[in-house]
N, C-alpha and C. Protein backbone atom coordinates (compact mmCIF):
# COMPACT_ATOMS: atom_id res chain seq x y z
N MET A 1 -33.93 13.69 -89.97
CA MET A 1 -33.97 14.38 -88.73
C MET A 1 -32.60 14.78 -88.30
N ASP A 2 -32.58 15.86 -87.79
CA ASP A 2 -31.35 16.42 -87.31
C ASP A 2 -31.08 15.83 -85.92
N PRO A 3 -29.81 15.48 -85.60
CA PRO A 3 -29.55 14.89 -84.29
C PRO A 3 -30.01 15.80 -83.18
N GLN A 4 -30.09 17.04 -83.43
CA GLN A 4 -30.57 17.93 -82.39
C GLN A 4 -32.08 17.91 -82.31
N ASP A 5 -32.73 17.39 -83.31
CA ASP A 5 -34.18 17.36 -83.35
C ASP A 5 -34.74 16.07 -82.78
N LYS A 6 -33.94 15.31 -82.14
CA LYS A 6 -34.42 14.06 -81.57
C LYS A 6 -35.46 14.38 -80.50
N PRO A 7 -36.46 13.52 -80.38
CA PRO A 7 -37.44 13.79 -79.33
C PRO A 7 -36.81 13.53 -77.95
N ILE A 8 -37.15 14.35 -77.03
CA ILE A 8 -36.66 14.23 -75.65
C ILE A 8 -37.56 13.20 -74.94
N PRO A 9 -36.96 12.21 -74.35
CA PRO A 9 -37.78 11.21 -73.69
C PRO A 9 -38.52 11.83 -72.50
N ASP A 10 -39.69 11.34 -72.27
CA ASP A 10 -40.52 11.85 -71.19
C ASP A 10 -40.04 11.20 -69.89
N SER A 11 -39.63 12.03 -68.95
CA SER A 11 -39.12 11.50 -67.70
C SER A 11 -40.22 11.39 -66.65
N ARG A 12 -41.42 11.75 -67.01
CA ARG A 12 -42.53 11.62 -66.07
C ARG A 12 -42.94 10.17 -65.96
N PRO A 13 -43.32 9.76 -64.76
CA PRO A 13 -43.72 8.36 -64.62
C PRO A 13 -45.02 8.10 -65.36
N GLY A 14 -45.03 6.97 -66.00
CA GLY A 14 -46.22 6.56 -66.75
C GLY A 14 -46.98 5.53 -65.95
N PRO A 15 -48.10 5.01 -66.50
CA PRO A 15 -48.90 4.04 -65.77
C PRO A 15 -48.15 2.75 -65.50
N GLU A 16 -47.29 2.32 -66.43
CA GLU A 16 -46.56 1.09 -66.18
C GLU A 16 -45.49 1.27 -65.11
N ASP A 17 -44.90 2.48 -65.06
CA ASP A 17 -43.89 2.77 -64.03
C ASP A 17 -44.53 2.80 -62.64
N ALA A 18 -45.71 3.27 -62.49
CA ALA A 18 -46.38 3.38 -61.21
C ALA A 18 -46.65 2.00 -60.63
N ALA A 19 -46.99 1.05 -61.47
CA ALA A 19 -47.25 -0.31 -60.99
C ALA A 19 -45.96 -0.94 -60.47
N ALA A 20 -44.85 -0.72 -61.19
CA ALA A 20 -43.57 -1.29 -60.77
C ALA A 20 -43.10 -0.64 -59.47
N GLU A 21 -43.27 0.67 -59.36
CA GLU A 21 -42.84 1.36 -58.15
C GLU A 21 -43.70 0.99 -56.96
N GLY A 22 -44.95 0.74 -57.15
CA GLY A 22 -45.85 0.37 -56.07
C GLY A 22 -45.46 -0.96 -55.47
N ALA A 23 -44.95 -1.87 -56.25
CA ALA A 23 -44.54 -3.19 -55.75
C ALA A 23 -43.27 -3.07 -54.92
N ALA A 24 -42.36 -2.22 -55.33
CA ALA A 24 -41.09 -2.09 -54.62
C ALA A 24 -41.27 -1.58 -53.20
N PRO A 25 -42.04 -0.51 -52.97
CA PRO A 25 -42.20 -0.06 -51.59
C PRO A 25 -42.91 -1.09 -50.73
N ALA A 26 -43.81 -1.82 -51.26
CA ALA A 26 -44.49 -2.84 -50.46
C ALA A 26 -43.50 -3.93 -50.05
N GLU A 27 -42.65 -4.34 -51.01
CA GLU A 27 -41.63 -5.35 -50.70
C GLU A 27 -40.64 -4.81 -49.68
N ALA A 28 -40.21 -3.57 -49.87
CA ALA A 28 -39.25 -2.96 -48.95
C ALA A 28 -39.87 -2.85 -47.56
N GLY A 29 -41.12 -2.50 -47.48
CA GLY A 29 -41.81 -2.39 -46.20
C GLY A 29 -41.90 -3.74 -45.50
N GLU A 30 -42.18 -4.79 -46.30
CA GLU A 30 -42.24 -6.13 -45.71
C GLU A 30 -40.87 -6.57 -45.21
N ASP A 31 -39.80 -6.23 -45.99
CA ASP A 31 -38.44 -6.57 -45.57
C ASP A 31 -38.08 -5.83 -44.28
N LEU A 32 -38.43 -4.56 -44.21
CA LEU A 32 -38.13 -3.77 -43.01
C LEU A 32 -38.91 -4.31 -41.81
N ALA A 33 -40.16 -4.69 -42.01
CA ALA A 33 -40.97 -5.23 -40.92
C ALA A 33 -40.37 -6.55 -40.43
N ALA A 34 -39.90 -7.38 -41.35
CA ALA A 34 -39.28 -8.65 -40.96
C ALA A 34 -37.97 -8.40 -40.21
N LEU A 35 -37.18 -7.44 -40.69
CA LEU A 35 -35.93 -7.10 -40.02
C LEU A 35 -36.20 -6.55 -38.62
N LEU A 36 -37.23 -5.70 -38.52
CA LEU A 36 -37.58 -5.12 -37.23
C LEU A 36 -38.03 -6.22 -36.27
N ALA A 37 -38.86 -7.14 -36.74
CA ALA A 37 -39.33 -8.24 -35.89
C ALA A 37 -38.15 -9.11 -35.46
N ASP A 38 -37.24 -9.38 -36.38
CA ASP A 38 -36.06 -10.17 -36.05
C ASP A 38 -35.19 -9.45 -35.01
N ALA A 39 -34.99 -8.14 -35.20
CA ALA A 39 -34.18 -7.36 -34.27
C ALA A 39 -34.85 -7.31 -32.89
N GLU A 40 -36.17 -7.16 -32.86
CA GLU A 40 -36.88 -7.13 -31.59
C GLU A 40 -36.77 -8.48 -30.88
N ALA A 41 -36.84 -9.56 -31.63
CA ALA A 41 -36.70 -10.89 -31.04
C ALA A 41 -35.30 -11.06 -30.45
N LYS A 42 -34.28 -10.58 -31.17
CA LYS A 42 -32.91 -10.68 -30.66
C LYS A 42 -32.74 -9.82 -29.40
N VAL A 43 -33.32 -8.63 -29.41
CA VAL A 43 -33.23 -7.75 -28.24
C VAL A 43 -33.89 -8.43 -27.04
N ALA A 44 -35.05 -9.04 -27.24
CA ALA A 44 -35.73 -9.73 -26.16
C ALA A 44 -34.88 -10.90 -25.66
N GLN A 45 -34.26 -11.64 -26.57
CA GLN A 45 -33.41 -12.76 -26.20
C GLN A 45 -32.20 -12.27 -25.39
N TYR A 46 -31.56 -11.20 -25.87
CA TYR A 46 -30.39 -10.67 -25.17
C TYR A 46 -30.78 -10.10 -23.80
N HIS A 47 -31.94 -9.48 -23.73
CA HIS A 47 -32.41 -8.94 -22.45
C HIS A 47 -32.64 -10.08 -21.46
N ASP A 48 -33.24 -11.17 -21.94
CA ASP A 48 -33.46 -12.33 -21.09
C ASP A 48 -32.12 -12.91 -20.61
N GLN A 49 -31.15 -13.00 -21.53
CA GLN A 49 -29.83 -13.52 -21.15
C GLN A 49 -29.16 -12.60 -20.13
N LEU A 50 -29.33 -11.29 -20.31
CA LEU A 50 -28.75 -10.33 -19.37
C LEU A 50 -29.37 -10.50 -17.99
N LEU A 51 -30.68 -10.64 -17.93
CA LEU A 51 -31.35 -10.82 -16.64
C LEU A 51 -30.90 -12.12 -15.97
N ARG A 52 -30.77 -13.18 -16.75
CA ARG A 52 -30.32 -14.45 -16.19
C ARG A 52 -28.88 -14.36 -15.69
N ALA A 53 -28.03 -13.70 -16.47
CA ALA A 53 -26.63 -13.54 -16.05
C ALA A 53 -26.55 -12.69 -14.78
N HIS A 54 -27.35 -11.64 -14.71
CA HIS A 54 -27.37 -10.79 -13.51
C HIS A 54 -27.83 -11.60 -12.29
N ALA A 55 -28.86 -12.42 -12.47
CA ALA A 55 -29.35 -13.25 -11.37
C ALA A 55 -28.28 -14.26 -10.94
N GLU A 56 -27.57 -14.84 -11.91
CA GLU A 56 -26.52 -15.80 -11.59
C GLU A 56 -25.38 -15.14 -10.82
N VAL A 57 -24.98 -13.95 -11.23
CA VAL A 57 -23.93 -13.21 -10.52
C VAL A 57 -24.37 -12.92 -9.10
N GLU A 58 -25.61 -12.51 -8.94
CA GLU A 58 -26.13 -12.22 -7.61
C GLU A 58 -26.14 -13.49 -6.74
N ASN A 59 -26.51 -14.63 -7.32
CA ASN A 59 -26.50 -15.89 -6.58
C ASN A 59 -25.08 -16.29 -6.18
N VAL A 60 -24.13 -16.12 -7.08
CA VAL A 60 -22.73 -16.44 -6.78
C VAL A 60 -22.22 -15.54 -5.66
N ARG A 61 -22.54 -14.25 -5.72
CA ARG A 61 -22.11 -13.30 -4.68
C ARG A 61 -22.70 -13.69 -3.33
N ARG A 62 -23.99 -14.03 -3.31
CA ARG A 62 -24.66 -14.41 -2.07
C ARG A 62 -24.05 -15.70 -1.50
N ARG A 63 -23.81 -16.70 -2.38
CA ARG A 63 -23.20 -17.95 -1.92
C ARG A 63 -21.80 -17.72 -1.37
N ALA A 64 -21.04 -16.84 -2.02
CA ALA A 64 -19.69 -16.54 -1.55
C ALA A 64 -19.73 -15.88 -0.18
N GLN A 65 -20.67 -14.97 0.02
CA GLN A 65 -20.81 -14.34 1.34
C GLN A 65 -21.17 -15.37 2.40
N GLU A 66 -22.07 -16.29 2.07
CA GLU A 66 -22.44 -17.34 3.02
C GLU A 66 -21.24 -18.23 3.33
N ASP A 67 -20.44 -18.57 2.31
CA ASP A 67 -19.25 -19.40 2.52
C ASP A 67 -18.24 -18.70 3.43
N VAL A 68 -18.05 -17.41 3.21
CA VAL A 68 -17.12 -16.65 4.06
C VAL A 68 -17.63 -16.61 5.49
N ALA A 69 -18.93 -16.40 5.66
CA ALA A 69 -19.50 -16.37 7.00
C ALA A 69 -19.33 -17.72 7.70
N LYS A 70 -19.57 -18.82 6.95
CA LYS A 70 -19.39 -20.15 7.54
C LYS A 70 -17.92 -20.41 7.87
N ALA A 71 -17.01 -19.97 7.00
CA ALA A 71 -15.58 -20.17 7.26
C ALA A 71 -15.16 -19.42 8.52
N ARG A 72 -15.68 -18.21 8.69
CA ARG A 72 -15.34 -17.45 9.91
C ARG A 72 -15.91 -18.14 11.14
N LYS A 73 -17.13 -18.62 11.01
CA LYS A 73 -17.81 -19.22 12.15
C LYS A 73 -17.21 -20.56 12.54
N PHE A 74 -16.89 -21.40 11.54
CA PHE A 74 -16.46 -22.76 11.83
C PHE A 74 -15.00 -23.02 11.48
N GLY A 75 -14.24 -21.99 11.13
CA GLY A 75 -12.85 -22.17 10.71
C GLY A 75 -11.95 -22.70 11.81
N ILE A 76 -12.30 -22.46 13.04
CA ILE A 76 -11.45 -22.92 14.14
C ILE A 76 -11.97 -24.23 14.74
N GLU A 77 -12.91 -24.86 14.07
CA GLU A 77 -13.52 -26.07 14.60
C GLU A 77 -12.49 -27.15 14.92
N SER A 78 -11.58 -27.44 13.99
CA SER A 78 -10.61 -28.51 14.24
C SER A 78 -9.66 -28.12 15.38
N PHE A 79 -9.31 -26.85 15.46
CA PHE A 79 -8.43 -26.40 16.54
C PHE A 79 -9.15 -26.53 17.88
N ALA A 80 -10.41 -26.15 17.91
CA ALA A 80 -11.19 -26.26 19.14
C ALA A 80 -11.33 -27.72 19.56
N GLU A 81 -11.56 -28.61 18.60
CA GLU A 81 -11.65 -30.03 18.92
C GLU A 81 -10.34 -30.55 19.51
N SER A 82 -9.22 -30.01 19.05
CA SER A 82 -7.92 -30.43 19.57
C SER A 82 -7.69 -29.95 21.00
N LEU A 83 -8.35 -28.85 21.38
CA LEU A 83 -8.14 -28.29 22.72
C LEU A 83 -9.04 -28.93 23.77
N ILE A 84 -10.10 -29.59 23.37
CA ILE A 84 -11.03 -30.19 24.34
C ILE A 84 -10.33 -31.20 25.24
N PRO A 85 -9.49 -32.12 24.71
CA PRO A 85 -8.80 -33.04 25.62
C PRO A 85 -7.85 -32.34 26.58
N VAL A 86 -7.29 -31.22 26.17
CA VAL A 86 -6.39 -30.47 27.06
C VAL A 86 -7.20 -29.94 28.25
N ARG A 87 -8.35 -29.39 27.95
CA ARG A 87 -9.21 -28.89 29.04
C ARG A 87 -9.64 -30.04 29.95
N ASP A 88 -10.02 -31.17 29.34
CA ASP A 88 -10.41 -32.34 30.15
C ASP A 88 -9.29 -32.75 31.10
N SER A 89 -8.06 -32.75 30.62
CA SER A 89 -6.91 -33.13 31.46
C SER A 89 -6.72 -32.14 32.60
N LEU A 90 -6.86 -30.85 32.31
CA LEU A 90 -6.70 -29.85 33.37
C LEU A 90 -7.79 -29.99 34.42
N GLU A 91 -9.02 -30.22 33.99
CA GLU A 91 -10.12 -30.40 34.95
C GLU A 91 -9.91 -31.66 35.79
N ALA A 92 -9.45 -32.74 35.15
CA ALA A 92 -9.20 -33.98 35.89
C ALA A 92 -8.10 -33.78 36.92
N ALA A 93 -7.07 -33.00 36.57
CA ALA A 93 -5.97 -32.75 37.51
C ALA A 93 -6.47 -31.94 38.71
N LEU A 94 -7.34 -30.99 38.46
CA LEU A 94 -7.86 -30.18 39.56
C LEU A 94 -8.83 -30.98 40.44
N ALA A 95 -9.45 -31.99 39.88
CA ALA A 95 -10.40 -32.80 40.64
C ALA A 95 -9.70 -33.78 41.59
N GLN A 96 -8.43 -34.05 41.37
CA GLN A 96 -7.67 -34.97 42.22
C GLN A 96 -7.22 -34.26 43.48
N ALA A 97 -7.67 -34.76 44.59
CA ALA A 97 -7.28 -34.15 45.88
C ALA A 97 -6.04 -34.87 46.44
N GLY A 98 -5.24 -34.14 47.16
CA GLY A 98 -4.10 -34.72 47.87
C GLY A 98 -3.01 -35.27 46.98
N GLN A 99 -2.73 -34.62 45.87
CA GLN A 99 -1.66 -35.09 44.98
C GLN A 99 -0.31 -34.58 45.47
N THR A 100 0.70 -35.33 45.14
CA THR A 100 2.07 -34.90 45.46
C THR A 100 2.53 -33.92 44.39
N ALA A 101 3.58 -33.22 44.71
CA ALA A 101 4.13 -32.26 43.75
C ALA A 101 4.61 -32.97 42.50
N GLU A 102 5.16 -34.17 42.65
CA GLU A 102 5.63 -34.93 41.49
C GLU A 102 4.46 -35.35 40.60
N ALA A 103 3.36 -35.75 41.21
CA ALA A 103 2.18 -36.15 40.42
C ALA A 103 1.62 -34.94 39.66
N TRP A 104 1.58 -33.78 40.32
CA TRP A 104 1.12 -32.56 39.64
C TRP A 104 2.03 -32.25 38.45
N GLN A 105 3.34 -32.35 38.68
CA GLN A 105 4.28 -32.05 37.60
C GLN A 105 4.10 -33.00 36.43
N GLU A 106 3.95 -34.29 36.71
CA GLU A 106 3.73 -35.26 35.64
C GLU A 106 2.44 -34.94 34.88
N GLY A 107 1.39 -34.59 35.60
CA GLY A 107 0.12 -34.24 34.97
C GLY A 107 0.23 -33.00 34.10
N VAL A 108 0.94 -31.99 34.59
CA VAL A 108 1.13 -30.76 33.82
C VAL A 108 1.96 -31.03 32.58
N GLU A 109 2.98 -31.86 32.70
CA GLU A 109 3.81 -32.20 31.54
C GLU A 109 3.01 -32.97 30.50
N ALA A 110 2.16 -33.89 30.94
CA ALA A 110 1.31 -34.65 30.01
C ALA A 110 0.32 -33.71 29.31
N THR A 111 -0.21 -32.77 30.05
CA THR A 111 -1.15 -31.81 29.46
C THR A 111 -0.44 -30.90 28.46
N LEU A 112 0.78 -30.51 28.78
CA LEU A 112 1.55 -29.69 27.85
C LEU A 112 1.84 -30.46 26.56
N ARG A 113 2.12 -31.75 26.66
CA ARG A 113 2.32 -32.57 25.46
C ARG A 113 1.03 -32.62 24.63
N GLN A 114 -0.11 -32.73 25.28
CA GLN A 114 -1.39 -32.71 24.55
C GLN A 114 -1.56 -31.37 23.82
N LEU A 115 -1.24 -30.29 24.51
CA LEU A 115 -1.37 -28.96 23.91
C LEU A 115 -0.42 -28.80 22.73
N ASN A 116 0.81 -29.27 22.89
CA ASN A 116 1.78 -29.20 21.77
C ASN A 116 1.29 -30.02 20.58
N GLY A 117 0.71 -31.18 20.83
CA GLY A 117 0.15 -31.99 19.75
C GLY A 117 -0.99 -31.27 19.04
N ALA A 118 -1.83 -30.58 19.79
CA ALA A 118 -2.93 -29.80 19.18
C ALA A 118 -2.35 -28.68 18.32
N PHE A 119 -1.31 -28.02 18.81
CA PHE A 119 -0.66 -26.97 18.03
C PHE A 119 -0.10 -27.52 16.72
N GLU A 120 0.60 -28.64 16.80
CA GLU A 120 1.20 -29.24 15.60
C GLU A 120 0.14 -29.63 14.58
N ARG A 121 -0.94 -30.26 15.03
CA ARG A 121 -2.01 -30.68 14.11
C ARG A 121 -2.64 -29.50 13.39
N ASN A 122 -2.61 -28.35 14.03
CA ASN A 122 -3.25 -27.17 13.45
C ASN A 122 -2.25 -26.15 12.93
N GLN A 123 -1.02 -26.59 12.66
CA GLN A 123 0.04 -25.79 12.04
C GLN A 123 0.38 -24.54 12.85
N MET A 124 0.35 -24.66 14.15
CA MET A 124 0.74 -23.55 15.02
C MET A 124 2.12 -23.85 15.57
N ARG A 125 3.05 -22.91 15.33
CA ARG A 125 4.44 -23.11 15.74
C ARG A 125 4.93 -21.93 16.57
N GLU A 126 5.92 -22.23 17.40
CA GLU A 126 6.53 -21.19 18.24
C GLU A 126 7.51 -20.34 17.44
N ILE A 127 7.63 -19.10 17.85
CA ILE A 127 8.72 -18.23 17.41
C ILE A 127 9.54 -17.99 18.68
N ALA A 128 10.66 -18.65 18.76
CA ALA A 128 11.50 -18.55 19.95
C ALA A 128 12.95 -18.34 19.51
N PRO A 129 13.31 -17.11 19.15
CA PRO A 129 14.69 -16.88 18.68
C PRO A 129 15.70 -17.05 19.81
N ALA A 130 16.82 -17.63 19.48
CA ALA A 130 17.91 -17.82 20.44
C ALA A 130 18.78 -16.57 20.44
N ALA A 131 19.50 -16.38 21.50
CA ALA A 131 20.42 -15.25 21.58
C ALA A 131 21.43 -15.37 20.44
N GLY A 132 21.61 -14.28 19.72
CA GLY A 132 22.53 -14.27 18.58
C GLY A 132 21.84 -14.43 17.24
N ASP A 133 20.55 -14.84 17.24
CA ASP A 133 19.80 -14.92 15.98
C ASP A 133 19.56 -13.51 15.43
N VAL A 134 19.48 -13.41 14.12
CA VAL A 134 19.25 -12.11 13.48
C VAL A 134 17.84 -11.63 13.82
N PHE A 135 17.72 -10.36 14.19
CA PHE A 135 16.43 -9.76 14.49
C PHE A 135 15.59 -9.67 13.22
N ASP A 136 14.37 -10.20 13.25
CA ASP A 136 13.44 -10.18 12.12
C ASP A 136 12.21 -9.36 12.53
N PRO A 137 12.07 -8.14 12.02
CA PRO A 137 10.95 -7.29 12.44
C PRO A 137 9.58 -7.86 12.06
N HIS A 138 9.54 -8.82 11.15
CA HIS A 138 8.28 -9.43 10.77
C HIS A 138 7.82 -10.47 11.78
N ARG A 139 8.77 -11.01 12.56
CA ARG A 139 8.44 -12.06 13.53
C ARG A 139 8.80 -11.70 14.96
N HIS A 140 9.57 -10.64 15.13
CA HIS A 140 10.01 -10.24 16.46
C HIS A 140 9.57 -8.82 16.75
N GLN A 141 9.29 -8.55 18.02
CA GLN A 141 8.99 -7.18 18.44
C GLN A 141 10.07 -6.77 19.42
N ALA A 142 10.81 -5.72 19.06
CA ALA A 142 11.91 -5.26 19.90
C ALA A 142 11.36 -4.42 21.05
N ILE A 143 11.77 -4.78 22.25
CA ILE A 143 11.37 -4.04 23.44
C ILE A 143 12.41 -2.97 23.76
N SER A 144 13.68 -3.33 23.57
CA SER A 144 14.75 -2.36 23.83
C SER A 144 16.03 -2.82 23.15
N ASN A 145 16.99 -1.90 23.08
CA ASN A 145 18.34 -2.20 22.63
C ASN A 145 19.22 -2.28 23.86
N VAL A 146 20.03 -3.31 23.94
CA VAL A 146 20.92 -3.46 25.09
C VAL A 146 22.32 -3.80 24.60
N ALA A 147 23.30 -3.41 25.38
CA ALA A 147 24.68 -3.80 25.07
C ALA A 147 24.83 -5.28 25.42
N SER A 148 25.45 -6.02 24.52
CA SER A 148 25.67 -7.44 24.80
C SER A 148 26.86 -7.93 23.99
N GLU A 149 27.28 -9.16 24.26
CA GLU A 149 28.40 -9.73 23.53
C GLU A 149 28.00 -10.14 22.11
N HIS A 150 26.72 -10.13 21.78
CA HIS A 150 26.24 -10.51 20.46
C HIS A 150 26.36 -9.34 19.49
N PRO A 151 26.51 -9.61 18.21
CA PRO A 151 26.64 -8.53 17.23
C PRO A 151 25.40 -7.62 17.21
N GLN A 152 25.61 -6.42 16.78
CA GLN A 152 24.52 -5.44 16.70
C GLN A 152 23.45 -5.95 15.72
N GLY A 153 22.18 -5.76 16.08
CA GLY A 153 21.09 -6.17 15.21
C GLY A 153 20.68 -7.63 15.37
N THR A 154 21.21 -8.28 16.40
CA THR A 154 20.80 -9.65 16.67
C THR A 154 20.01 -9.68 17.98
N VAL A 155 19.37 -10.79 18.23
CA VAL A 155 18.58 -10.95 19.46
C VAL A 155 19.54 -11.16 20.62
N ALA A 156 19.38 -10.34 21.65
CA ALA A 156 20.20 -10.50 22.85
C ALA A 156 19.49 -11.41 23.85
N GLN A 157 18.15 -11.27 23.92
CA GLN A 157 17.38 -12.08 24.87
C GLN A 157 15.93 -12.14 24.40
N THR A 158 15.30 -13.31 24.56
CA THR A 158 13.87 -13.47 24.26
C THR A 158 13.11 -13.36 25.57
N LEU A 159 12.17 -12.42 25.60
CA LEU A 159 11.37 -12.21 26.80
C LEU A 159 10.07 -13.02 26.78
N GLN A 160 9.52 -13.21 25.58
CA GLN A 160 8.27 -13.96 25.44
C GLN A 160 8.23 -14.59 24.05
N LYS A 161 7.86 -15.87 23.98
CA LYS A 161 7.75 -16.55 22.70
C LYS A 161 6.62 -15.95 21.87
N GLY A 162 6.80 -16.04 20.57
CA GLY A 162 5.73 -15.66 19.66
C GLY A 162 5.15 -16.91 19.03
N TYR A 163 4.12 -16.74 18.19
CA TYR A 163 3.48 -17.90 17.56
C TYR A 163 3.10 -17.59 16.13
N LEU A 164 3.27 -18.64 15.28
CA LEU A 164 2.86 -18.61 13.88
C LEU A 164 1.70 -19.57 13.69
N LEU A 165 0.78 -19.21 12.84
CA LEU A 165 -0.28 -20.11 12.43
C LEU A 165 -0.20 -20.21 10.92
N ALA A 166 0.31 -21.35 10.43
CA ALA A 166 0.48 -21.57 8.99
C ALA A 166 1.23 -20.40 8.35
N ASP A 167 2.36 -20.05 8.90
CA ASP A 167 3.26 -19.00 8.41
C ASP A 167 2.71 -17.58 8.58
N ARG A 168 1.64 -17.42 9.31
CA ARG A 168 1.11 -16.08 9.62
C ARG A 168 1.40 -15.81 11.10
N VAL A 169 1.94 -14.64 11.39
CA VAL A 169 2.31 -14.31 12.76
C VAL A 169 1.04 -14.01 13.56
N LEU A 170 0.81 -14.82 14.60
CA LEU A 170 -0.28 -14.53 15.53
C LEU A 170 0.18 -13.55 16.60
N ARG A 171 1.38 -13.82 17.09
CA ARG A 171 1.97 -12.95 18.09
C ARG A 171 3.47 -12.94 17.86
N PRO A 172 4.08 -11.76 17.71
CA PRO A 172 5.53 -11.73 17.53
C PRO A 172 6.23 -12.04 18.86
N ALA A 173 7.43 -12.55 18.75
CA ALA A 173 8.24 -12.81 19.95
C ALA A 173 8.74 -11.46 20.48
N LEU A 174 8.65 -11.28 21.79
CA LEU A 174 9.16 -10.06 22.41
C LEU A 174 10.63 -10.27 22.71
N VAL A 175 11.50 -9.42 22.17
CA VAL A 175 12.94 -9.62 22.30
C VAL A 175 13.64 -8.32 22.67
N MET A 176 14.82 -8.50 23.22
CA MET A 176 15.75 -7.38 23.43
C MET A 176 16.81 -7.53 22.35
N VAL A 177 17.10 -6.45 21.66
CA VAL A 177 18.03 -6.46 20.53
C VAL A 177 19.38 -5.95 20.99
N SER A 178 20.40 -6.62 20.49
CA SER A 178 21.77 -6.26 20.87
C SER A 178 22.19 -4.97 20.16
N ALA A 179 22.79 -4.08 20.93
CA ALA A 179 23.36 -2.86 20.37
C ALA A 179 24.86 -3.05 20.15
N GLY A 180 25.33 -4.25 20.34
CA GLY A 180 26.74 -4.56 20.19
C GLY A 180 27.42 -4.52 21.55
N PRO A 181 28.73 -4.82 21.58
CA PRO A 181 29.45 -4.80 22.87
C PRO A 181 29.49 -3.39 23.45
N ALA A 182 29.44 -3.31 24.78
CA ALA A 182 29.49 -2.02 25.46
C ALA A 182 30.89 -1.43 25.33
N ASP A 183 30.94 -0.12 25.12
CA ASP A 183 32.25 0.55 25.06
C ASP A 183 32.84 0.59 26.46
N THR A 184 34.10 0.18 26.58
CA THR A 184 34.76 0.17 27.89
C THR A 184 35.67 1.37 28.06
N ALA A 185 35.50 2.37 27.18
CA ALA A 185 36.39 3.53 27.26
C ALA A 185 35.96 4.50 28.30
């Protein structure tokens, strides 16, 4: 036989090939169905986790809002408790008839000590700059500039004390700021 005369193999599927091919698609279909079922189970699991996480975030947000509301409502409770004895002292002083001026003064001084104690317990401090202290716009409110013997940009006079609550300004001190010595020319 001539090498060119070799028979050409038949590339058409035969009966034995059909049986082998029939098994492969069935196996592939079963594998795909198992993969699909596995993927669907994972999707359901992840969806459940997402819903639970969303619910947890919503619960945390709601609890935080409730905590903020309670803090606003009851945040001054200790300060209010500190002021009750001060009010009691003032009412007792007013209930006393026929007091001398000295007795009134002693009572007012005792009440002021109670109030100062309440301020200290609740971290409330005065802002009372002395003449010559550097003007601090964060703690002082300038009412005017005046000529004075103090250097320019310093406090010449305090008109009203200010107050801090735990380093936060509740009310700035009202001050007059020095413009420096007056020109005598």
